Amino acid sequence: MNRKLIFLLCIVSILFAGNIIQFIWNSSQLFSDAVPNEETALLIAEAVLGSVYGEDTLYTKPYSGTYDRIRNAWIITGNLPEPTEGQLINGGVPEIVIGKRDGKILKMYHGM
C-alpha cells in the first residue's frame, strides 16, 4: 500500500513540476520582445523597405518611429525632404508597422 502511495505521489510531483516549467517558459516568452526599441524597429524598416521599394525610399530618410500601445507595434514612417526654392516634390512616403513582440510585418505601404 505504501508503494502505491509513493508511486502516485511521484507521478503527481512530476506532472506538477512539468506544469511549473511550462508556465515559466511561457511567461518568459510573453515578456521578451523581438523589437524592444525604436532603433531596432528603424533598422528592420530600412532593410525591408529598401528590399521592397528599392532606392526610391532613400529620399524619404530619415525615418521616424512611434510606438502604438494598442497594436503593440512600431510604426515607422518616411519623411519628405524640405523642398528648395523652385523645387516641387512629388510622391509619398513609405510606412511600415512592425510587431514589437514577434517582429512580424503587420502592414506596409507607400503613399502616392
PDB file of N, CA and C in Angstrom:
ATOM      1  N   MET A   1       0.823  -1.185   0.000  1.00  0.00           N
ATOM      2  CA  MET A   1       0.000   0.000   0.000  1.00  0.00           C
ATOM      3  C   MET A   1       0.873   1.257   0.000  1.00  0.00           C
ATOM      4  N   ASN A   2       1.939   1.254   0.757  1.00  0.00           N
ATOM      5  CA  ASN A   2       2.820   2.410   0.801  1.00  0.00           C
ATOM      6  C   ASN A   2       3.505   2.636  -0.539  1.00  0.00           C
ATOM      7  N   ARG A   3       3.839   1.547  -1.215  1.00  0.00           N
ATOM      8  CA  ARG A   3       4.488   1.680  -2.517  1.00  0.00           C
ATOM      9  C   ARG A   3       3.561   2.358  -3.528  1.00  0.00           C
ATOM     10  N   LYS A   4       2.301   1.990  -3.503  1.00  0.00           N
ATOM     11  CA  LYS A   4       1.336   2.595  -4.419  1.00  0.00           C
ATOM     12  C   LYS A   4       1.188   4.086  -4.121  1.00  0.00           C
ATOM     13  N   LEU A   5       1.147   4.440  -2.857  1.00  0.00           N
ATOM     14  CA  LEU A   5       1.003   5.840  -2.459  1.00  0.00           C
ATOM     15  C   LEU A   5       2.251   6.640  -2.863  1.00  0.00           C
ATOM     16  N   ILE A   6       3.414   6.077  -2.639  1.00  0.00           N
ATOM     17  CA  ILE A   6       4.659   6.745  -3.025  1.00  0.00           C
ATOM     18  C   ILE A   6       4.724   6.900  -4.542  1.00  0.00           C
ATOM     19  N   PHE A   7       4.357   5.865  -5.273  1.00  0.00           N
ATOM     20  CA  PHE A   7       4.348   5.922  -6.728  1.00  0.00           C
ATOM     21  C   PHE A   7       3.387   7.011  -7.216  1.00  0.00           C
ATOM     22  N   LEU A   8       2.214   7.066  -6.647  1.00  0.00           N
ATOM     23  CA  LEU A   8       1.226   8.067  -7.020  1.00  0.00           C
ATOM     24  C   LEU A   8       1.724   9.478  -6.720  1.00  0.00           C
ATOM     25  N   LEU A   9       2.352   9.662  -5.569  1.00  0.00           N
ATOM     26  CA  LEU A   9       2.904  10.960  -5.215  1.00  0.00           C
ATOM     27  C   LEU A   9       4.031  11.375  -6.166  1.00  0.00           C
ATOM     28  N   CYS A  10       4.837  10.417  -6.576  1.00  0.00           N
ATOM     29  CA  CYS A  10       5.912  10.712  -7.533  1.00  0.00           C
ATOM     30  C   CYS A  10       5.338  11.162  -8.870  1.00  0.00           C
ATOM     31  N   ILE A  11       4.320  10.480  -9.354  1.00  0.00           N
ATOM     32  CA  ILE A  11       3.690  10.844 -10.629  1.00  0.00           C
ATOM     33  C   ILE A  11       3.078  12.237 -10.539  1.00  0.00           C
ATOM     34  N   VAL A  12       2.369  12.513  -9.462  1.00  0.00           N
ATOM     35  CA  VAL A  12       1.757  13.829  -9.277  1.00  0.00           C
ATOM     36  C   VAL A  12       2.836  14.906  -9.197  1.00  0.00           C
ATOM     37  N   SER A  13       3.926  14.637  -8.521  1.00  0.00           N
ATOM     38  CA  SER A  13       5.027  15.599  -8.410  1.00  0.00           C
ATOM     39  C   SER A  13       5.650  15.885  -9.765  1.00  0.00           C
ATOM     40  N   ILE A  14       5.851  14.858 -10.557  1.00  0.00           N
ATOM     41  CA  ILE A  14       6.428  15.045 -11.892  1.00  0.00           C
ATOM     42  C   ILE A  14       5.503  15.880 -12.761  1.00  0.00           C
ATOM     43  N   LEU A  15       4.216  15.587 -12.725  1.00  0.00           N
ATOM     44  CA  LEU A  15       3.255  16.361 -13.507  1.00  0.00           C
ATOM     45  C   LEU A  15       3.217  17.820 -13.031  1.00  0.00           C
ATOM     46  N   PHE A  16       3.229  18.013 -11.742  1.00  0.00           N
ATOM     47  CA  PHE A  16       3.201  19.363 -11.172  1.00  0.00           C
ATOM     48  C   PHE A  16       4.457  20.133 -11.573  1.00  0.00           C
ATOM     49  N   ALA A  17       5.612  19.496 -11.500  1.00  0.00           N
ATOM     50  CA  ALA A  17       6.871  20.145 -11.884  1.00  0.00           C
ATOM     51  C   ALA A  17       6.854  20.496 -13.373  1.00  0.00           C
ATOM     52  N   GLY A  18       6.299  19.615 -14.186  1.00  0.00           N
ATOM     53  CA  GLY A  18       6.195  19.897 -15.620  1.00  0.00           C
ATOM     54  C   GLY A  18       5.325  21.104 -15.896  1.00  0.00           C
ATOM     55  N   ASN A  19       4.227  21.231 -15.165  1.00  0.00           N
ATOM     56  CA  ASN A  19       3.356  22.397 -15.333  1.00  0.00           C
ATOM     57  C   ASN A  19       4.055  23.681 -14.915  1.00  0.00           C
ATOM     58  N   ILE A  20       4.829  23.626 -13.851  1.00  0.00           N
ATOM     59  CA  ILE A  20       5.564  24.807 -13.398  1.00  0.00           C
ATOM     60  C   ILE A  20       6.605  25.216 -14.441  1.00  0.00           C
ATOM     61  N   ILE A  21       7.328  24.254 -14.982  1.00  0.00           N
ATOM     62  CA  ILE A  21       8.334  24.547 -16.010  1.00  0.00           C
ATOM     63  C   ILE A  21       7.672  25.144 -17.245  1.00  0.00           C
ATOM     64  N   GLN A  22       6.533  24.591 -17.654  1.00  0.00           N
ATOM     65  CA  GLN A  22       5.815  25.122 -18.812  1.00  0.00           C
ATOM     66  C   GLN A  22       5.334  26.547 -18.549  1.00  0.00           C
ATOM     67  N   PHE A  23       4.840  26.831 -17.361  1.00  0.00           N
ATOM     68  CA  PHE A  23       4.387  28.173 -17.012  1.00  0.00           C
ATOM     69  C   PHE A  23       5.545  29.174 -17.065  1.00  0.00           C
ATOM     70  N   ILE A  24       6.684  28.792 -16.500  1.00  0.00           N
ATOM     71  CA  ILE A  24       7.849  29.682 -16.515  1.00  0.00           C
ATOM     72  C   ILE A  24       8.305  29.931 -17.949  1.00  0.00           C
ATOM     73  N   TRP A  25       8.327  28.904 -18.767  1.00  0.00           N
ATOM     74  CA  TRP A  25       8.731  29.049 -20.163  1.00  0.00           C
ATOM     75  C   TRP A  25       7.789  29.994 -20.902  1.00  0.00           C
ATOM     76  N   ASN A  26       6.482  29.802 -20.756  1.00  0.00           N
ATOM     77  CA  ASN A  26       5.512  30.656 -21.435  1.00  0.00           C
ATOM     78  C   ASN A  26       5.575  32.087 -20.921  1.00  0.00           C
ATOM     79  N   SER A  27       5.809  32.278 -19.642  1.00  0.00           N
ATOM     80  CA  SER A  27       5.898  33.617 -19.083  1.00  0.00           C
ATOM     81  C   SER A  27       7.110  34.351 -19.642  1.00  0.00           C
ATOM     82  N   SER A  28       8.217  33.656 -19.770  1.00  0.00           N
ATOM     83  CA  SER A  28       9.401  34.310 -20.319  1.00  0.00           C
ATOM     84  C   SER A  28       9.180  34.683 -21.778  1.00  0.00           C
ATOM     85  N   GLN A  29       8.399  33.895 -22.499  1.00  0.00           N
ATOM     86  CA  GLN A  29       8.084  34.211 -23.889  1.00  0.00           C
ATOM     87  C   GLN A  29       7.196  35.447 -23.974  1.00  0.00           C
ATOM     88  N   LEU A  30       6.303  35.621 -23.008  1.00  0.00           N
ATOM     89  CA  LEU A  30       5.389  36.758 -23.024  1.00  0.00           C
ATOM     90  C   LEU A  30       6.109  38.079 -22.808  1.00  0.00           C
ATOM     91  N   PHE A  31       7.151  38.083 -22.025  1.00  0.00           N
ATOM     92  CA  PHE A  31       7.800  39.329 -21.660  1.00  0.00           C
ATOM     93  C   PHE A  31       9.003  39.674 -22.514  1.00  0.00           C
ATOM     94  N   SER A  32       9.389  38.803 -23.414  1.00  0.00           N
ATOM     95  CA  SER A  32      10.514  39.132 -24.282  1.00  0.00           C
ATOM     96  C   SER A  32       9.975  39.735 -25.575  1.00  0.00           C
ATOM     97  N   ASP A  33      10.666  40.734 -26.072  1.00  0.00           N
ATOM     98  CA  ASP A  33      10.250  41.421 -27.284  1.00  0.00           C
ATOM     99  C   ASP A  33      11.310  41.257 -28.355  1.00  0.00           C
ATOM    100  N   ALA A  34      10.872  40.920 -29.547  1.00  0.00           N
ATOM    101  CA  ALA A  34      11.806  40.802 -30.661  1.00  0.00           C
ATOM    102  C   ALA A  34      12.285  42.179 -31.122  1.00  0.00           C
ATOM    103  N   VAL A  35      11.419  43.190 -30.959  1.00  0.00           N
ATOM    104  CA  VAL A  35      11.758  44.555 -31.373  1.00  0.00           C
ATOM    105  C   VAL A  35      11.579  45.452 -30.141  1.00  0.00           C
ATOM    106  N   PRO A  36      12.583  45.511 -29.278  1.00  0.00           N
ATOM    107  CA  PRO A  36      12.411  46.174 -27.985  1.00  0.00           C
ATOM    108  C   PRO A  36      12.426  47.698 -28.021  1.00  0.00           C
ATOM    109  N   ASN A  37      12.997  48.291 -29.084  1.00  0.00           N
ATOM    110  CA  ASN A  37      13.125  49.750 -29.079  1.00  0.00           C
ATOM    111  C   ASN A  37      13.015  50.310 -30.490  1.00  0.00           C
ATOM    112  N   GLU A  38      12.945  51.642 -30.550  1.00  0.00           N
ATOM    113  CA  GLU A  38      12.776  52.330 -31.828  1.00  0.00           C
ATOM    114  C   GLU A  38      13.970  52.097 -32.756  1.00  0.00           C
ATOM    115  N   GLU A  39      15.158  52.075 -32.210  1.00  0.00           N
ATOM    116  CA  GLU A  39      16.354  51.877 -33.024  1.00  0.00           C
ATOM    117  C   GLU A  39      16.295  50.553 -33.787  1.00  0.00           C
ATOM    118  N   THR A  40      15.894  49.493 -33.121  1.00  0.00           N
ATOM    119  CA  THR A  40      15.769  48.188 -33.768  1.00  0.00           C
ATOM    120  C   THR A  40      14.688  48.225 -34.834  1.00  0.00           C
ATOM    121  N   ALA A  41      13.564  48.865 -34.525  1.00  0.00           N
ATOM    122  CA  ALA A  41      12.467  48.972 -35.493  1.00  0.00           C
ATOM    123  C   ALA A  41      12.909  49.744 -36.738  1.00  0.00           C
ATOM    124  N   LEU A  42      13.698  50.804 -36.550  1.00  0.00           N
ATOM    125  CA  LEU A  42      14.185  51.584 -37.687  1.00  0.00           C
ATOM    126  C   LEU A  42      15.117  50.759 -38.578  1.00  0.00           C
ATOM    127  N   LEU A  43      15.965  49.947 -37.968  1.00  0.00           N
ATOM    128  CA  LEU A  43      16.869  49.088 -38.749  1.00  0.00           C
ATOM    129  C   LEU A  43      16.084  48.064 -39.570  1.00  0.00           C
ATOM    130  N   ILE A  44      15.071  47.466 -38.952  1.00  0.00           N
ATOM    131  CA  ILE A  44      14.235  46.491 -39.668  1.00  0.00           C
ATOM    132  C   ILE A  44      13.506  47.182 -40.816  1.00  0.00           C
ATOM    133  N   ALA A  45      12.930  48.348 -40.520  1.00  0.00           N
ATOM    134  CA  ALA A  45      12.177  49.078 -41.542  1.00  0.00           C
ATOM    135  C   ALA A  45      13.056  49.437 -42.729  1.00  0.00           C
ATOM    136  N   GLU A  46      14.247  49.911 -42.453  1.00  0.00           N
ATOM    137  CA  GLU A  46      15.153  50.296 -43.528  1.00  0.00           C
ATOM    138  C   GLU A  46      15.493  49.102 -44.412  1.00  0.00           C
ATOM    139  N   ALA A  47      15.738  47.969 -43.800  1.00  0.00           N
ATOM    140  CA  ALA A  47      16.079  46.771 -44.572  1.00  0.00           C
ATOM    141  C   ALA A  47      14.893  46.289 -45.406  1.00  0.00           C
ATOM    142  N   VAL A  48      13.724  46.235 -44.799  1.00  0.00           N
ATOM    143  CA  VAL A  48      12.542  45.728 -45.505  1.00  0.00           C
ATOM    144  C   VAL A  48      12.104  46.699 -46.597  1.00  0.00           C
ATOM    145  N   LEU A  49      11.993  47.974 -46.260  1.00  0.00           N
ATOM    146  CA  LEU A  49      11.550  48.953 -47.255  1.00  0.00           C
ATOM    147  C   LEU A  49      12.535  49.055 -48.413  1.00  0.00           C
ATOM    148  N   GLY A  50      13.824  48.992 -48.118  1.00  0.00           N
ATOM    149  CA  GLY A  50      14.827  49.035 -49.176  1.00  0.00           C
ATOM    150  C   GLY A  50      14.743  47.843 -50.109  1.00  0.00           C
ATOM    151  N   SER A  51      14.450  46.665 -49.546  1.00  0.00           N
ATOM    152  CA  SER A  51      14.377  45.475 -50.398  1.00  0.00           C
ATOM    153  C   SER A  51      13.084  45.441 -51.213  1.00  0.00           C
ATOM    154  N   VAL A  52      12.018  46.045 -50.703  1.00  0.00           N
ATOM    155  CA  VAL A  52      10.740  46.030 -51.428  1.00  0.00           C
ATOM    156  C   VAL A  52      10.647  47.174 -52.429  1.00  0.00           C
ATOM    157  N   TYR A  53      10.951  48.383 -51.991  1.00  0.00           N
ATOM    158  CA  TYR A  53      10.769  49.564 -52.839  1.00  0.00           C
ATOM    159  C   TYR A  53      12.067  50.050 -53.487  1.00  0.00           C
ATOM    160  N   GLY A  54      13.178  49.483 -53.121  1.00  0.00           N
ATOM    161  CA  GLY A  54      14.447  49.847 -53.727  1.00  0.00           C
ATOM    162  C   GLY A  54      14.945  51.204 -53.259  1.00  0.00           C
ATOM    163  N   GLU A  55      15.768  51.806 -54.100  1.00  0.00           N
ATOM    164  CA  GLU A  55      16.390  53.069 -53.732  1.00  0.00           C
ATOM    165  C   GLU A  55      15.406  54.233 -53.710  1.00  0.00           C
ATOM    166  N   ASP A  56      14.177  54.013 -54.167  1.00  0.00           N
ATOM    167  CA  ASP A  56      13.179  55.079 -54.138  1.00  0.00           C
ATOM    168  C   ASP A  56      12.875  55.530 -52.712  1.00  0.00           C
ATOM    169  N   THR A  57      13.120  54.669 -51.739  1.00  0.00           N
ATOM    170  CA  THR A  57      12.826  55.040 -50.351  1.00  0.00           C
ATOM    171  C   THR A  57      13.970  55.798 -49.690  1.00  0.00           C
ATOM    172  N   LEU A  58      15.113  55.877 -50.341  1.00  0.00           N
ATOM    173  CA  LEU A  58      16.248  56.567 -49.735  1.00  0.00           C
ATOM    174  C   LEU A  58      15.995  58.054 -49.549  1.00  0.00           C
ATOM    175  N   TYR A  59      15.216  58.659 -50.457  1.00  0.00           N
ATOM    176  CA  TYR A  59      14.971  60.090 -50.334  1.00  0.00           C
ATOM    177  C   TYR A  59      14.017  60.412 -49.180  1.00  0.00           C
ATOM    178  N   THR A  60      13.361  59.417 -48.624  1.00  0.00           N
ATOM    179  CA  THR A  60      12.423  59.665 -47.523  1.00  0.00           C
ATOM    180  C   THR A  60      13.077  59.520 -46.156  1.00  0.00           C
ATOM    181  N   LYS A  61      14.381  59.351 -46.131  1.00  0.00           N
ATOM    182  CA  LYS A  61      15.098  59.257 -44.865  1.00  0.00           C
ATOM    183  C   LYS A  61      15.295  60.657 -44.308  1.00  0.00           C
ATOM    184  N   PRO A  62      15.401  60.845 -43.045  1.00  0.00           N
ATOM    185  CA  PRO A  62      15.405  59.829 -42.004  1.00  0.00           C
ATOM    186  C   PRO A  62      13.986  59.363 -41.690  1.00  0.00           C
ATOM    187  N   TYR A  63      13.880  58.101 -41.356  1.00  0.00           N
ATOM    188  CA  TYR A  63      12.600  57.547 -40.943  1.00  0.00           C
ATOM    189  C   TYR A  63      12.320  57.969 -39.508  1.00  0.00           C
ATOM    190  N   SER A  64      11.045  58.066 -39.183  1.00  0.00           N
ATOM    191  CA  SER A  64      10.680  58.356 -37.795  1.00  0.00           C
ATOM    192  C   SER A  64       9.803  57.221 -37.282  1.00  0.00           C
ATOM    193  N   GLY A  65       9.945  56.931 -36.008  1.00  0.00           N
ATOM    194  CA  GLY A  65       9.208  55.816 -35.432  1.00  0.00           C
ATOM    195  C   GLY A  65       8.409  56.225 -34.209  1.00  0.00           C
ATOM    196  N   THR A  66       7.255  55.600 -34.069  1.00  0.00           N
ATOM    197  CA  THR A  66       6.433  55.776 -32.873  1.00  0.00           C
ATOM    198  C   THR A  66       5.937  54.410 -32.445  1.00  0.00           C
ATOM    199  N   TYR A  67       5.668  54.295 -31.155  1.00  0.00           N
ATOM    200  CA  TYR A  67       5.167  53.038 -30.617  1.00  0.00           C
ATOM    201  C   TYR A  67       3.664  53.147 -30.402  1.00  0.00           C
ATOM    202  N   ASP A  68       2.912  52.187 -30.921  1.00  0.00           N
ATOM    203  CA  ASP A  68       1.460  52.135 -30.772  1.00  0.00           C
ATOM    204  C   ASP A  68       1.127  51.076 -29.721  1.00  0.00           C
ATOM    205  N   ARG A  69       0.697  51.527 -28.549  1.00  0.00           N
ATOM    206  CA  ARG A  69       0.401  50.593 -27.459  1.00  0.00           C
ATOM    207  C   ARG A  69      -0.796  49.697 -27.755  1.00  0.00           C
ATOM    208  N   ILE A  70      -1.752  50.203 -28.503  1.00  0.00           N
ATOM    209  CA  ILE A  70      -2.947  49.414 -28.799  1.00  0.00           C
ATOM    210  C   ILE A  70      -2.589  48.207 -29.660  1.00  0.00           C
ATOM    211  N   ARG A  71      -1.793  48.422 -30.683  1.00  0.00           N
ATOM    212  CA  ARG A  71      -1.384  47.322 -31.566  1.00  0.00           C
ATOM    213  C   ARG A  71      -0.145  46.602 -31.080  1.00  0.00           C
ATOM    214  N   ASN A  72       0.519  47.152 -30.048  1.00  0.00           N
ATOM    215  CA  ASN A  72       1.789  46.621 -29.567  1.00  0.00           C
ATOM    216  C   ASN A  72       2.768  46.499 -30.737  1.00  0.00           C
ATOM    217  N   ALA A  73       2.901  47.624 -31.451  1.00  0.00           N
ATOM    218  CA  ALA A  73       3.703  47.626 -32.665  1.00  0.00           C
ATOM    219  C   ALA A  73       4.400  48.970 -32.849  1.00  0.00           C
ATOM    220  N   TRP A  74       5.476  48.921 -33.620  1.00  0.00           N
ATOM    221  CA  TRP A  74       6.203  50.132 -34.008  1.00  0.00           C
ATOM    222  C   TRP A  74       5.697  50.575 -35.366  1.00  0.00           C
ATOM    223  N   ILE A  75       5.437  51.869 -35.508  1.00  0.00           N
ATOM    224  CA  ILE A  75       5.018  52.436 -36.787  1.00  0.00           C
ATOM    225  C   ILE A  75       6.169  53.315 -37.282  1.00  0.00           C
ATOM    226  N   ILE A  76       6.734  52.929 -38.402  1.00  0.00           N
ATOM    227  CA  ILE A  76       7.873  53.636 -38.963  1.00  0.00           C
ATOM    228  C   ILE A  76       7.418  54.310 -40.259  1.00  0.00           C
ATOM    229  N   THR A  77       7.697  55.599 -40.353  1.00  0.00           N
ATOM    230  CA  THR A  77       7.248  56.393 -41.498  1.00  0.00           C
ATOM    231  C   THR A  77       8.424  57.160 -42.084  1.00  0.00           C
ATOM    232  N   GLY A  78       8.461  57.258 -43.402  1.00  0.00           N
ATOM    233  CA  GLY A  78       9.463  58.063 -44.076  1.00  0.00           C
ATOM    234  C   GLY A  78       9.088  59.538 -44.004  1.00  0.00           C
ATOM    235  N   ASN A  79      10.013  60.400 -44.346  1.00  0.00           N
ATOM    236  CA  ASN A  79       9.790  61.849 -44.336  1.00  0.00           C
ATOM    237  C   ASN A  79      10.172  62.421 -45.689  1.00  0.00           C
ATOM    238  N   LEU A  80       9.338  63.328 -46.186  1.00  0.00           N
ATOM    239  CA  LEU A  80       9.696  64.011 -47.431  1.00  0.00           C
ATOM    240  C   LEU A  80      10.723  65.090 -47.123  1.00  0.00           C
ATOM    241  N   PRO A  81      11.692  65.258 -47.999  1.00  0.00           N
ATOM    242  CA  PRO A  81      12.685  66.314 -47.767  1.00  0.00           C
ATOM    243  C   PRO A  81      12.056  67.694 -47.957  1.00  0.00           C
ATOM    244  N   GLU A  82      12.629  68.669 -47.322  1.00  0.00           N
ATOM    245  CA  GLU A  82      12.172  70.051 -47.497  1.00  0.00           C
ATOM    246  C   GLU A  82      12.519  70.504 -48.910  1.00  0.00           C
ATOM    247  N   PRO A  83      11.547  71.038 -49.624  1.00  0.00           N
ATOM    248  CA  PRO A  83      11.853  71.484 -50.992  1.00  0.00           C
ATOM    249  C   PRO A  83      12.718  72.737 -50.975  1.00  0.00           C
ATOM    250  N   THR A  84      13.602  72.795 -51.923  1.00  0.00           N
ATOM    251  CA  THR A  84      14.393  74.012 -52.081  1.00  0.00           C
ATOM    252  C   THR A  84      13.591  74.977 -52.946  1.00  0.00           C
ATOM    253  N   GLU A  85      14.026  76.200 -53.051  1.00  0.00           N
ATOM    254  CA  GLU A  85      13.284  77.214 -53.790  1.00  0.00           C
ATOM    255  C   GLU A  85      13.103  76.801 -55.250  1.00  0.00           C
ATOM    256  N   GLY A  86      11.865  76.806 -55.675  1.00  0.00           N
ATOM    257  CA  GLY A  86      11.543  76.451 -57.052  1.00  0.00           C
ATOM    258  C   GLY A  86      11.437  74.958 -57.301  1.00  0.00           C
ATOM    259  N   GLN A  87      11.614  74.140 -56.296  1.00  0.00           N
ATOM    260  CA  GLN A  87      11.581  72.682 -56.461  1.00  0.00           C
ATOM    261  C   GLN A  87      10.246  72.143 -55.955  1.00  0.00           C
ATOM    262  N   LEU A  88       9.653  71.257 -56.727  1.00  0.00           N
ATOM    263  CA  LEU A  88       8.441  70.564 -56.299  1.00  0.00           C
ATOM    264  C   LEU A  88       8.808  69.130 -55.962  1.00  0.00           C
ATOM    265  N   ILE A  89       8.229  68.633 -54.903  1.00  0.00           N
ATOM    266  CA  ILE A  89       8.490  67.245 -54.523  1.00  0.00           C
ATOM    267  C   ILE A  89       7.213  66.456 -54.730  1.00  0.00           C
ATOM    268  N   ASN A  90       7.306  65.462 -55.583  1.00  0.00           N
ATOM    269  CA  ASN A  90       6.168  64.587 -55.856  1.00  0.00           C
ATOM    270  C   ASN A  90       6.370  63.265 -55.130  1.00  0.00           C
ATOM    271  N   GLY A  91       5.278  62.625 -54.840  1.00  0.00           N
ATOM    272  CA  GLY A  91       5.353  61.295 -54.257  1.00  0.00           C
ATOM    273  C   GLY A  91       4.997  61.284 -52.798  1.00  0.00           C
ATOM    274  N   GLY A  92       4.915  60.101 -52.262  1.00  0.00           N
ATOM    275  CA  GLY A  92       4.572  59.916 -50.863  1.00  0.00           C
ATOM    276  C   GLY A  92       5.713  59.269 -50.121  1.00  0.00           C
ATOM    277  N   VAL A  93       5.403  58.816 -48.944  1.00  0.00           N
ATOM    278  CA  VAL A  93       6.420  58.192 -48.102  1.00  0.00           C
ATOM    279  C   VAL A  93       5.989  56.779 -47.728  1.00  0.00           C
ATOM    280  N   PRO A  94       6.957  55.915 -47.472  1.00  0.00           N
ATOM    281  CA  PRO A  94       6.610  54.564 -47.046  1.00  0.00           C
ATOM    282  C   PRO A  94       6.218  54.545 -45.573  1.00  0.00           C
ATOM    283  N   GLU A  95       5.390  53.581 -45.225  1.00  0.00           N
ATOM    284  CA  GLU A  95       5.049  53.347 -43.824  1.00  0.00           C
ATOM    285  C   GLU A  95       5.022  51.846 -43.603  1.00  0.00           C
ATOM    286  N   ILE A  96       5.540  51.440 -42.461  1.00  0.00           N
ATOM    287  CA  ILE A  96       5.579  50.028 -42.123  1.00  0.00           C
ATOM    288  C   ILE A  96       5.227  49.878 -40.646  1.00  0.00           C
ATOM    289  N   VAL A  97       4.437  48.850 -40.344  1.00  0.00           N
ATOM    290  CA  VAL A  97       4.050  48.563 -38.965  1.00  0.00           C
ATOM    291  C   VAL A  97       4.672  47.222 -38.600  1.00  0.00           C
ATOM    292  N   ILE A  98       5.487  47.237 -37.531  1.00  0.00           N
ATOM    293  CA  ILE A  98       6.255  46.051 -37.124  1.00  0.00           C
ATOM    294  C   ILE A  98       5.821  45.647 -35.725  1.00  0.00           C
ATOM    295  N   GLY A  99       5.402  44.400 -35.566  1.00  0.00           N
ATOM    296  CA  GLY A  99       5.002  43.889 -34.260  1.00  0.00           C
ATOM    297  C   GLY A  99       6.168  43.902 -33.280  1.00  0.00           C
ATOM    298  N   LYS A 100       5.940  44.442 -32.101  1.00  0.00           N
ATOM    299  CA  LYS A 100       7.006  44.551 -31.108  1.00  0.00           C
ATOM    300  C   LYS A 100       7.388  43.181 -30.547  1.00  0.00           C
ATOM    301  N   ARG A 101       6.408  42.348 -30.266  1.00  0.00           N
ATOM    302  CA  ARG A 101       6.672  41.067 -29.606  1.00  0.00           C
ATOM    303  C   ARG A 101       7.382  40.074 -30.519  1.00  0.00           C
ATOM    304  N   ASP A 102       6.929  39.992 -31.791  1.00  0.00           N
ATOM    305  CA  ASP A 102       7.477  38.955 -32.659  1.00  0.00           C
ATOM    306  C   ASP A 102       8.204  39.474 -33.902  1.00  0.00           C
ATOM    307  N   GLY A 103       8.175  40.794 -34.151  1.00  0.00           N
ATOM    308  CA  GLY A 103       8.872  41.355 -35.295  1.00  0.00           C
ATOM    309  C   GLY A 103       8.178  41.148 -36.634  1.00  0.00           C
ATOM    310  N   LYS A 104       6.936  40.688 -36.621  1.00  0.00           N
ATOM    311  CA  LYS A 104       6.207  40.472 -37.878  1.00  0.00           C
ATOM    312  C   LYS A 104       5.864  41.815 -38.520  1.00  0.00           C
ATOM    313  N   ILE A 105       5.869  41.824 -39.837  1.00  0.00           N
ATOM    314  CA  ILE A 105       5.431  42.996 -40.585  1.00  0.00           C
ATOM    315  C   ILE A 105       3.911  42.911 -40.665  1.00  0.00           C
ATOM    316  N   LEU A 106       3.249  43.817 -39.950  1.00  0.00           N
ATOM    317  CA  LEU A 106       1.794  43.789 -39.874  1.00  0.00           C
ATOM    318  C   LEU A 106       1.140  44.550 -41.022  1.00  0.00           C
ATOM    319  N   LYS A 107       1.838  45.584 -41.517  1.00  0.00           N
ATOM    320  CA  LYS A 107       1.281  46.403 -42.580  1.00  0.00           C
ATOM    321  C   LYS A 107       2.440  47.157 -43.226  1.00  0.00           C
ATOM    322  N   MET A 108       2.323  47.333 -44.542  1.00  0.00           N
ATOM    323  CA  MET A 108       3.364  48.085 -45.229  1.00  0.00           C
ATOM    324  C   MET A 108       2.742  48.681 -46.499  1.00  0.00           C
ATOM    325  N   TYR A 109       2.993  49.964 -46.703  1.00  0.00           N
ATOM    326  CA  TYR A 109       2.531  50.607 -47.923  1.00  0.00           C
ATOM    327  C   TYR A 109       3.361  51.837 -48.206  1.00  0.00           C
ATOM    328  N   HIS A 110       3.170  52.347 -49.422  1.00  0.00           N
ATOM    329  CA  HIS A 110       3.879  53.568 -49.846  1.00  0.00           C
ATOM    330  C   HIS A 110       2.818  54.509 -50.371  1.00  0.00           C
ATOM    331  N   GLY A 111       2.737  55.697 -49.773  1.00  0.00           N
ATOM    332  CA  GLY A 111       1.746  56.693 -50.189  1.00  0.00           C
ATOM    333  C   GLY A 111       2.055  57.251 -51.563  1.00  0.00           C
ATOM    334  N   MET A 112       1.059  57.826 -52.165  1.00  0.00           N
ATOM    335  CA  MET A 112       1.216  58.411 -53.502  1.00  0.00           C
ATOM    336  C   MET A 112       1.412  59.894 -53.411  1.00  0.00           C
TER     337      MET A 112
END
